[in-house]
Each structure stands twice: as C-alpha cells, then as structure tokens.
Amino acid sequence: MSDGNSVKKELQAKLINKIDYSRDTTDEELYELIDETIINESREKHLNLVERETLRKKLFHALRKLDILQDLVDDPGVTEIMINGPDTIFIERAGSLMRYPMRFESKEKLEDVIQQIVSGCNRVVNEANPIVDARLENGSRVNIVLAPVALNGPIVTIRRFPDKPISMDDLISFGSLRKDIADKLADLVRARYNIFISGGTGSGKTTFLNALSAYIPKDERIITIEDNAELQIIDLPNLVKLETRNANVEGCREITIRDLIKSSLRMRPDRVVVGEVRGGEAFDMMQAMNTGHDGSMSTGHANSCKDMLSRLENMILMGMELPLSAIRRQIASGIDLIVHLGRLRDRSRRVLEITEIIDNGTDEIGRNVLYRFMETGVDENDRIIGELIKENELICKDKLYAAGITAW
C-alpha cells in the first residue's frame, strides 16, 4: 500500500464529488459510498482488509466527524486535547502530557473542523471574533483561538469530561476527601447552605460541584446557568439548564450569565447553580443567595479561600459600584461555606480547605476554618500522603437545625 495519508486524501476527493449535496446524506448512505469507493480502489492500491477498515473509519471521520480528533474525543482515557496549529497536538492521559503523532493534513482542514464544532452549538468564530468557547456533542468543553490573536495557527483546547459523572464515592476512593467529611458536606447541601467552590485551573471544581449536586433533594426545582453546558447533574426531575449565547452577525444579541441569573429568579427556583462566576455576575449571584434562594452553589478561580473572597469583592465591583463595606456584607450574608480544591505536585486533586464564612456584623468578612489539608509525606509511588485535619467546629448551625439535622 502507498502512503496512507495520500490514499485517504485521494479517496476523500473522489467521495466529495460523489455526494449529493442537494439533500441530506445519512450516515448509512455515506458509509455505502465509502465502501463502494474503497472496493473500487482496493485492488489498484493493494489494500488488505485491515487497511480497508482503517481507511473506512478515517474517511467517515474526515467527512462527518472531527477528522483525526474523533478517536481522541471517543477515548475515555484522554482528558485533555491541545491543538497548537495543524502540525502539533498534545494530549493528557492519566495525568501525563504527551505529544500525539497524528497531524491535520492542512490548516484549512483544521479550520473546517473548528467551524463544524462551533456551528454544532450555535456559536461563531472568525477573524472578527477570534475567541470562542463551545462544546462537543458528548459535553466536552472547547476553547478556540484564531488569528490574528493566535500567531502559530488555530489553537483548540478540548477538556473531555467522563461519560459517567464522577460521584462523591469516586472522589472518596481517589483520596480527594474522607467519607466522614463528605457526609458532613451532604448534610450542609440538604440543609440549604450556600456553598462556593474555589480552586485553580484543572483542580476539579466542576466535578466537585456535580458530586455535591447529587445531595440536592429530588423534590426541588433547580436551575443551572453556564457559559457552556458542562454540569452533568442527574436524577433531578425538575431541572432547568440555561446557557449563554454570543452575539452574531445575524443580529442576535449577546445573552450573558448576568441576564440568565436575573431571568432565573423569575422561574421559581429553589436553588440556582452557576457553573462559574468570572466577572460582574458575582453581584447577581450574591443577590440570589441573599433573596431566599438558599442552597445555591457556584465555583470560581482562586488560590485559597481567602483569595476567593478578595476575588469576589473585585468581581462584584465590576458589576456594581458599591462601597467595599457593603460588598463584604453581601458576601458574608450570602455565602455560608467555601470549599477550596487544589491539584498537588503528584497531579492528584484534593480538597485543601473548608472554611465557614461568618457574618459578624462588621465591615470585615469572618472566616472559620473547619478543615485544612496537611501533608505528611509521600509513598513509594511518589503520591502525596496527607489528610484534612479538623481545626474548628461549625458556628452557624441554624439551617441544620431548621432541616432537622441535629447530629453534626
């Protein structure tokens, strides 16, 4: 057999000429065209059975799926795909970063794949709007950066989420936290404490938010709000999922997280779950937490619980001009608990701190550290050994008592 890429390119050109673009071609019809083309060429190209099967899959992925990315997207072991232009692809598998040997046949082919991704979730990306967030059919999160912002070709970063949402039991088995602490967090969720999850990039904030959401009572109405739908909340019958929208050339106006939070409050939610706050929407989130929507949850980027409070102050200032003292009172009365996650040097994700937020009636936000992670060493596999050490008791137990939970 001659060079596989040249054969694929040649057969792909022939297939494109055979497809009837006046109507929608089904997957089955496309496979029939591919089989017919391969059979006609197999003798001349000296293709054996294995090569024909491989070529069949590659042609279908090139014409209907995401070309060379499709195998990576379908592989549950791959958690991150990083495309630095058509010639350079890196993947993360089991916490390790490695270069992928495949490449796109051209920059144009990569751009075609990008347009296929964004069109599938009603987004637009081009030179005038070179940065966009999108998602794949399987829920994977996609970030795309094009020229003139990206200097070394189209940049695509895909974060793949597990097909089955990671549960709290899974996190316990991974060593992220102990079962007794998870049980206490479950009580706080049921008792409608407002919980904020903080951490750095890749620390597992969305995963942890999903796991906590499993403790929400099934008879409540939940509204989730995200830039891109990533949450995999299951077994909640009264669930409403909202997603932002970018403005486009057709005249559709932008719909932001702030717009969705304001609208959600008119939809009779018991709880509002915001995937992540990054800017002025933090003010609207605090308003929701302070106006009868107890049990609401969200996430944000920060290096510690203390830093998360400072970031929230700054984000609220982006959305509303208020005295700093008033902002701190809003935060202190809105958030009950911050759970801080981190990714340690052994690549493991752990709960590093759980802090109660206290409204002490002053201009300062009170913090009561309940648990803090203490490292005690490393094992023979260089995995960090440590655990969450209890530092203080929960002070504000009114919501627990109101929910009938006394043994805490």
Protein backbone atom coordinates (compact mmCIF):
# COMPACT_ATOMS: atom_id res chain seq x y z
CA MET A 1 0.00 0.00 0.00
CA SER A 2 1.21 3.50 -0.78
CA ASP A 3 1.34 6.28 1.79
CA GLY A 4 -1.87 6.11 3.88
CA ASN A 5 -2.43 9.86 4.04
CA SER A 6 -2.13 10.30 0.27
CA VAL A 7 -4.58 7.42 -0.35
CA LYS A 8 -7.03 8.90 2.15
CA LYS A 9 -6.73 12.34 0.54
CA GLU A 10 -7.28 10.90 -2.94
CA LEU A 11 -10.32 8.85 -1.94
CA GLN A 12 -11.74 11.73 0.05
CA ALA A 13 -11.65 13.95 -3.04
CA LYS A 14 -13.50 11.27 -5.03
CA LEU A 15 -16.12 10.88 -2.29
CA ILE A 16 -16.77 14.62 -2.16
CA ASN A 17 -17.57 14.54 -5.87
CA LYS A 18 -19.97 11.62 -5.40
CA ILE A 19 -22.02 13.08 -2.54
CA ASP A 20 -25.39 14.56 -3.50
CA TYR A 21 -25.41 17.94 -1.75
CA SER A 22 -28.97 18.72 -2.84
CA ARG A 23 -30.23 16.62 0.08
CA ASP A 24 -29.06 15.36 3.46
CA THR A 25 -26.96 12.24 3.19
CA THR A 26 -27.45 9.85 6.10
CA ASP A 27 -24.55 8.15 7.86
CA GLU A 28 -25.59 4.83 6.36
CA GLU A 29 -25.59 6.25 2.84
CA LEU A 30 -22.18 7.82 3.42
CA TYR A 31 -20.78 4.51 4.62
CA GLU A 32 -22.16 2.84 1.47
CA LEU A 33 -20.41 5.44 -0.71
CA ILE A 34 -17.17 4.94 1.25
CA ASP A 35 -17.37 1.15 0.92
CA GLU A 36 -18.05 1.39 -2.79
CA THR A 37 -15.11 3.75 -3.32
CA ILE A 38 -12.72 1.63 -1.25
CA ILE A 39 -13.72 -1.59 -3.02
CA ASN A 40 -13.17 0.01 -6.41
CA GLU A 41 -9.72 1.20 -5.38
CA SER A 42 -8.58 -1.71 -3.18
CA ARG A 43 -7.03 -3.79 -5.98
CA GLU A 44 -5.18 -0.90 -7.56
CA LYS A 45 -3.93 0.36 -4.16
CA HIS A 46 -3.25 -3.19 -2.85
CA LEU A 47 -5.27 -2.62 0.30
CA ASN A 48 -5.65 -5.52 2.72
CA LEU A 49 -8.69 -5.99 4.98
CA VAL A 50 -7.19 -4.17 7.99
CA GLU A 51 -6.12 -1.21 5.83
CA ARG A 52 -9.57 -1.02 4.27
CA GLU A 53 -11.27 -0.96 7.69
CA THR A 54 -8.88 1.71 8.94
CA LEU A 55 -9.39 3.79 5.81
CA ARG A 56 -13.16 3.40 6.07
CA LYS A 57 -13.16 4.84 9.59
CA LYS A 58 -10.74 7.65 8.71
CA LEU A 59 -12.82 8.73 5.70
CA PHE A 60 -16.04 8.77 7.71
CA HIS A 61 -14.38 10.78 10.49
CA ALA A 62 -12.96 13.22 7.93
CA LEU A 63 -16.29 13.80 6.18
CA ARG A 64 -18.81 13.57 9.00
CA LYS A 65 -16.94 13.78 12.32
CA LEU A 66 -13.87 15.61 13.65
CA ASP A 67 -11.22 14.01 11.43
CA ILE A 68 -8.15 12.87 13.38
CA LEU A 69 -9.60 14.26 16.62
CA GLN A 70 -12.52 11.83 16.66
CA ASP A 71 -10.56 8.88 18.07
CA LEU A 72 -9.23 11.13 20.85
CA VAL A 73 -12.68 12.52 21.64
CA ASP A 74 -14.05 8.96 21.82
CA ASP A 75 -11.21 7.72 24.04
CA PRO A 76 -12.32 7.86 27.71
CA GLY A 77 -8.68 7.78 28.83
CA VAL A 78 -7.92 11.16 27.21
CA THR A 79 -8.87 14.07 29.47
CA GLU A 80 -7.40 17.00 27.51
CA ILE A 81 -6.62 17.64 23.84
CA MET A 82 -4.40 20.62 22.96
CA ILE A 83 -4.03 21.58 19.28
CA ASN A 84 -1.30 24.14 18.56
CA GLY A 85 -1.89 24.59 14.85
CA PRO A 86 -2.33 21.78 12.29
CA ASP A 87 1.04 20.12 12.94
CA THR A 88 1.20 19.94 16.74
CA ILE A 89 -1.20 18.07 19.01
CA PHE A 90 -0.70 17.25 22.69
CA ILE A 91 -2.95 15.11 24.85
CA GLU A 92 -3.28 14.46 28.57
CA ARG A 93 -3.82 10.84 29.55
CA ALA A 94 -3.90 9.66 33.18
CA GLY A 95 -2.45 12.99 34.30
CA SER A 96 0.54 12.81 31.91
CA LEU A 97 1.10 15.18 28.99
CA MET A 98 2.35 13.64 25.74
CA ARG A 99 2.62 14.54 22.07
CA TYR A 100 0.15 12.89 19.69
CA PRO A 101 1.79 11.54 16.50
CA MET A 102 -1.05 12.47 14.11
CA ARG A 103 -1.40 15.84 12.36
CA PHE A 104 -4.03 17.59 10.24
CA GLU A 105 -3.45 17.36 6.52
CA SER A 106 -3.66 21.16 6.25
CA LYS A 107 -4.52 24.34 8.10
CA GLU A 108 -7.72 24.51 6.04
CA LYS A 109 -8.82 21.09 7.29
CA LEU A 110 -8.31 22.16 10.91
CA GLU A 111 -10.34 25.31 10.23
CA ASP A 112 -13.12 23.16 8.73
CA VAL A 113 -13.21 21.06 11.89
CA ILE A 114 -13.34 24.22 14.01
CA GLN A 115 -16.32 25.56 12.05
CA GLN A 116 -18.05 22.21 12.43
CA ILE A 117 -17.58 22.37 16.21
CA VAL A 118 -18.87 25.93 16.65
CA SER A 119 -21.82 25.52 14.29
CA GLY A 120 -22.94 22.49 16.30
CA CYS A 121 -23.60 24.68 19.35
CA ASN A 122 -24.76 27.86 17.59
CA ARG A 123 -21.51 29.80 18.05
CA VAL A 124 -19.47 31.88 15.60
CA VAL A 125 -15.69 32.20 15.33
CA ASN A 126 -13.75 34.13 12.68
CA GLU A 127 -11.10 36.85 12.35
CA ALA A 128 -13.53 39.47 13.62
CA ASN A 129 -14.46 37.28 16.60
CA PRO A 130 -11.35 35.10 17.05
CA ILE A 131 -12.01 33.70 20.55
CA VAL A 132 -14.95 31.45 21.42
CA ASP A 133 -15.99 28.81 23.93
CA ALA A 134 -18.02 25.89 22.63
CA ARG A 135 -18.84 22.28 23.43
CA LEU A 136 -18.99 18.93 21.66
CA GLU A 137 -21.94 16.55 21.48
CA ASN A 138 -20.52 14.50 24.35
CA GLY A 139 -20.33 17.57 26.61
CA SER A 140 -16.59 18.20 26.22
CA ARG A 141 -15.61 21.85 26.67
CA VAL A 142 -13.85 23.55 23.75
CA ASN A 143 -11.87 26.80 23.66
CA ILE A 144 -10.84 28.15 20.24
CA VAL A 145 -8.44 30.99 19.42
CA LEU A 146 -7.81 32.02 15.80
CA ALA A 147 -5.59 34.54 14.02
CA PRO A 148 -4.81 37.38 14.42
CA VAL A 149 -4.75 36.57 18.14
CA ALA A 150 -3.13 33.14 17.72
CA LEU A 151 0.22 33.50 15.94
CA ASN A 152 1.06 29.83 15.32
CA GLY A 153 -2.16 28.70 13.70
CA PRO A 154 -5.64 27.88 15.03
CA ILE A 155 -5.44 26.89 18.71
CA VAL A 156 -8.03 24.46 20.07
CA THR A 157 -8.20 23.14 23.63
CA ILE A 158 -10.70 20.40 24.43
CA ARG A 159 -11.45 19.36 28.02
CA ARG A 160 -13.10 15.94 27.95
CA PHE A 161 -15.39 15.01 30.82
CA PRO A 162 -16.06 11.39 31.84
CA ASP A 163 -19.04 9.67 30.23
CA LYS A 164 -20.32 8.77 33.69
CA PRO A 165 -20.25 11.71 36.12
CA ILE A 166 -17.75 11.26 38.94
CA SER A 167 -19.65 10.74 42.18
CA MET A 168 -18.68 11.66 45.72
CA ASP A 169 -17.93 7.96 46.33
CA ASP A 170 -15.46 8.12 43.43
CA LEU A 171 -13.79 11.22 44.91
CA ILE A 172 -13.51 9.44 48.26
CA SER A 173 -11.90 6.42 46.56
CA PHE A 174 -9.47 8.76 44.75
CA GLY A 175 -8.42 10.20 48.12
CA SER A 176 -9.80 13.70 47.47
CA LEU A 177 -11.51 13.71 50.89
CA ARG A 178 -12.66 11.35 53.63
CA LYS A 179 -16.14 9.83 53.79
CA ASP A 180 -16.99 11.43 57.14
CA ILE A 181 -16.26 14.89 55.69
CA ALA A 182 -18.26 14.09 52.54
CA ASP A 183 -21.20 13.09 54.76
CA LYS A 184 -20.99 16.43 56.57
CA LEU A 185 -20.97 18.29 53.25
CA ALA A 186 -24.02 16.26 52.20
CA ASP A 187 -25.84 17.46 55.34
CA LEU A 188 -24.95 21.06 54.53
CA VAL A 189 -26.29 20.71 50.96
CA ARG A 190 -29.56 19.18 52.21
CA ALA A 191 -29.84 21.95 54.81
CA ARG A 192 -29.58 24.54 52.01
CA TYR A 193 -26.24 26.12 52.90
CA ASN A 194 -24.90 28.36 50.12
CA ILE A 195 -21.64 26.76 49.00
CA PHE A 196 -18.90 28.25 46.85
CA ILE A 197 -16.19 26.02 45.37
CA SER A 198 -12.82 27.60 44.60
CA GLY A 199 -9.61 26.32 43.03
CA GLY A 200 -7.15 26.71 40.22
CA THR A 201 -7.47 25.53 36.62
CA GLY A 202 -7.87 21.76 36.44
CA SER A 203 -8.42 21.37 40.18
CA GLY A 204 -11.79 19.65 39.68
CA LYS A 205 -14.25 22.41 40.59
CA THR A 206 -16.95 21.37 38.10
CA THR A 207 -16.52 17.70 39.04
CA PHE A 208 -16.90 18.52 42.73
CA LEU A 209 -19.94 20.71 42.07
CA ASN A 210 -21.53 17.80 40.19
CA ALA A 211 -20.82 15.45 43.07
CA LEU A 212 -22.29 17.86 45.63
CA SER A 213 -25.40 18.33 43.48
CA ALA A 214 -26.26 14.66 43.96
CA TYR A 215 -27.29 15.52 47.54
CA ILE A 216 -29.95 18.06 46.48
CA PRO A 217 -33.40 16.69 47.39
CA LYS A 218 -35.26 15.33 44.36
CA ASP A 219 -38.42 17.39 45.01
CA GLU A 220 -36.69 20.76 44.43
CA ARG A 221 -36.60 22.90 41.29
CA ILE A 222 -33.02 23.57 40.22
CA ILE A 223 -31.80 26.00 37.56
CA THR A 224 -28.24 25.66 36.25
CA ILE A 225 -26.56 28.56 34.45
CA GLU A 226 -23.32 28.17 32.48
CA ASP A 227 -21.26 29.72 29.72
CA ASN A 228 -21.04 26.24 28.21
CA ALA A 229 -23.14 23.37 29.48
CA GLU A 230 -20.63 21.21 31.39
CA LEU A 231 -22.52 20.18 34.51
CA GLN A 232 -23.77 16.59 34.44
CA ILE A 233 -26.42 16.78 37.15
CA ILE A 234 -28.59 13.67 37.01
CA ASP A 235 -31.65 12.27 38.81
CA LEU A 236 -33.21 15.69 39.40
CA PRO A 237 -36.61 15.66 37.63
CA ASN A 238 -37.29 19.42 37.93
CA LEU A 239 -34.04 20.63 36.35
CA VAL A 240 -33.75 23.64 34.02
CA LYS A 241 -30.44 24.10 32.15
CA LEU A 242 -29.57 27.55 30.77
CA GLU A 243 -26.59 28.50 28.62
CA THR A 244 -25.23 31.87 27.49
CA ARG A 245 -25.19 32.97 23.85
CA ASN A 246 -22.72 35.15 21.97
CA ALA A 247 -23.85 37.95 19.69
CA ASN A 248 -23.65 37.06 16.00
CA VAL A 249 -23.71 38.72 12.60
CA GLU A 250 -27.38 37.80 12.14
CA GLY A 251 -28.35 40.35 14.76
CA CYS A 252 -28.84 38.03 17.75
CA ARG A 253 -27.81 39.93 20.85
CA GLU A 254 -25.49 38.50 23.46
CA ILE A 255 -27.12 36.75 26.43
CA THR A 256 -24.80 36.78 29.43
CA ILE A 257 -24.58 34.95 32.75
CA ARG A 258 -25.99 38.12 34.35
CA ASP A 259 -29.02 38.04 32.05
CA LEU A 260 -29.65 34.38 32.84
CA ILE A 261 -29.33 34.81 36.61
CA LYS A 262 -31.82 37.70 36.57
CA SER A 263 -34.22 35.68 34.41
CA SER A 264 -33.84 32.55 36.54
CA LEU A 265 -35.10 34.36 39.63
CA ARG A 266 -38.47 34.72 37.86
CA MET A 267 -38.62 30.98 37.14
CA ARG A 268 -39.41 29.94 40.72
CA PRO A 269 -36.13 28.17 41.51
CA ASP A 270 -35.46 26.52 44.85
CA ARG A 271 -31.75 26.72 44.10
CA VAL A 272 -29.60 28.39 41.45
CA VAL A 273 -26.38 26.65 40.40
CA VAL A 274 -23.96 28.83 38.40
CA GLY A 275 -21.15 26.88 36.74
CA GLU A 276 -18.58 29.61 37.29
CA VAL A 277 -18.52 33.32 38.08
CA ARG A 278 -15.77 35.38 36.44
CA GLY A 279 -17.00 38.96 36.49
CA GLY A 280 -19.94 41.22 37.28
CA GLU A 281 -22.31 38.24 37.53
CA ALA A 282 -20.87 37.68 41.03
CA PHE A 283 -23.09 40.56 42.19
CA ASP A 284 -26.21 38.87 40.79
CA MET A 285 -25.16 35.56 42.34
CA MET A 286 -24.84 37.22 45.76
CA GLN A 287 -28.26 38.82 45.25
CA ALA A 288 -29.77 35.38 44.55
CA MET A 289 -28.13 33.91 47.64
CA ASN A 290 -29.43 36.80 49.75
CA THR A 291 -33.02 36.77 48.48
CA GLY A 292 -34.43 33.41 49.51
CA HIS A 293 -32.59 31.03 47.19
CA ASP A 294 -30.73 29.18 49.92
CA GLY A 295 -28.75 26.14 48.83
CA SER A 296 -27.36 27.85 45.75
CA MET A 297 -23.87 26.91 44.57
CA SER A 298 -21.17 28.18 42.24
CA THR A 299 -17.45 27.97 41.50
CA GLY A 300 -14.61 30.43 40.92
CA HIS A 301 -10.87 30.58 40.28
CA ALA A 302 -8.65 31.36 43.27
CA ASN A 303 -5.57 30.12 45.12
CA SER A 304 -7.22 29.83 48.55
CA CYS A 305 -10.47 30.50 50.38
CA LYS A 306 -9.13 33.89 51.46
CA ASP A 307 -8.16 34.77 47.88
CA MET A 308 -11.62 33.71 46.69
CA LEU A 309 -13.21 36.31 48.97
CA SER A 310 -10.90 39.02 47.58
CA ARG A 311 -11.69 37.96 44.02
CA LEU A 312 -15.42 38.06 44.75
CA GLU A 313 -15.04 41.61 46.04
CA ASN A 314 -13.29 42.62 42.82
CA MET A 315 -15.83 40.84 40.61
CA ILE A 316 -18.77 42.48 42.37
CA LEU A 317 -17.11 45.87 41.84
CA MET A 318 -17.01 45.01 38.12
CA GLY A 319 -20.78 44.62 38.17
CA MET A 320 -21.90 47.31 40.58
CA GLU A 321 -20.38 50.41 42.17
CA LEU A 322 -20.87 49.85 45.88
CA PRO A 323 -18.86 50.72 48.99
CA LEU A 324 -16.45 47.93 49.87
CA SER A 325 -18.10 47.55 53.27
CA ALA A 326 -21.47 46.89 51.62
CA ILE A 327 -19.92 44.34 49.26
CA ARG A 328 -18.34 42.49 52.15
CA ARG A 329 -21.66 42.39 54.00
CA GLN A 330 -23.31 40.97 50.87
CA ILE A 331 -20.68 38.24 50.59
CA ALA A 332 -20.73 37.41 54.30
CA SER A 333 -24.51 37.10 54.40
CA GLY A 334 -24.72 35.28 51.05
CA ILE A 335 -22.04 32.57 51.22
CA ASP A 336 -22.08 30.05 54.05
CA LEU A 337 -19.17 27.84 53.05
CA ILE A 338 -16.17 27.84 50.71
CA VAL A 339 -14.62 24.52 49.66
CA HIS A 340 -11.15 25.02 48.18
CA LEU A 341 -9.66 22.42 45.82
CA GLY A 342 -6.13 22.06 44.52
CA ARG A 343 -4.02 19.95 42.20
CA LEU A 344 -0.90 18.84 44.01
CA ARG A 345 2.54 18.16 42.56
CA ASP A 346 1.73 14.44 42.15
CA ARG A 347 -1.19 15.55 39.88
CA SER A 348 -3.79 14.40 42.40
CA ARG A 349 -6.80 16.60 43.09
CA ARG A 350 -7.61 17.15 46.76
CA VAL A 351 -9.88 19.20 48.97
CA LEU A 352 -7.38 21.54 50.63
CA GLU A 353 -9.60 23.67 52.84
CA ILE A 354 -13.19 24.00 54.00
CA THR A 355 -13.98 27.39 55.52
CA GLU A 356 -17.19 28.71 57.04
CA ILE A 357 -17.98 32.33 56.19
CA ILE A 358 -19.23 34.34 59.16
CA ASP A 359 -21.38 37.47 59.04
CA ASN A 360 -20.07 39.08 62.22
CA GLY A 361 -21.86 42.40 61.70
CA THR A 362 -18.67 44.32 60.88
CA ASP A 363 -17.06 45.54 57.66
CA GLU A 364 -14.75 42.51 57.64
CA ILE A 365 -15.73 39.03 56.45
CA GLY A 366 -15.32 36.47 59.21
CA ARG A 367 -13.65 33.16 58.37
CA ASN A 368 -13.83 29.98 60.42
CA VAL A 369 -11.56 27.25 59.01
CA LEU A 370 -13.26 23.90 59.57
CA TYR A 371 -10.75 21.61 57.83
CA ARG A 372 -7.30 22.12 56.33
CA PHE A 373 -5.19 19.64 54.34
CA MET A 374 -1.93 18.64 55.99
CA GLU A 375 0.76 16.81 54.02
CA THR A 376 2.64 14.16 55.99
CA GLY A 377 4.91 12.60 53.34
CA VAL A 378 4.98 10.62 50.10
CA ASP A 379 4.54 6.88 49.44
CA GLU A 380 6.69 4.54 47.32
CA ASN A 381 4.87 5.75 44.18
CA ASP A 382 5.63 9.43 45.00
CA ARG A 383 1.96 10.02 45.78
CA ILE A 384 1.44 12.64 48.46
CA ILE A 385 0.22 11.33 51.81
CA GLY A 386 -1.96 13.65 53.87
CA GLU A 387 -5.48 14.32 55.09
CA LEU A 388 -7.91 17.02 56.07
CA ILE A 389 -7.37 17.97 59.71
CA LYS A 390 -10.27 19.40 61.67
CA GLU A 391 -9.47 22.85 63.10
CA ASN A 392 -12.78 24.28 64.32
CA GLU A 393 -16.45 23.45 64.78
CA LEU A 394 -19.19 24.88 62.56
CA ILE A 395 -20.55 28.02 64.22
CA CYS A 396 -23.75 28.80 62.29
CA LYS A 397 -25.98 25.72 62.66
CA ASP A 398 -29.39 27.41 62.27
CA LYS A 399 -30.02 25.92 58.80
CA LEU A 400 -29.01 22.46 60.02
CA TYR A 401 -31.47 22.67 62.90
CA ALA A 402 -34.20 24.01 60.60
CA ALA A 403 -33.66 20.96 58.37
CA GLY A 404 -33.95 18.64 61.35
CA ILE A 405 -30.27 17.71 61.34
CA THR A 406 -29.03 17.79 64.92
CA ALA A 407 -26.20 15.24 64.95
CA TRP A 408 -23.45 17.37 63.42
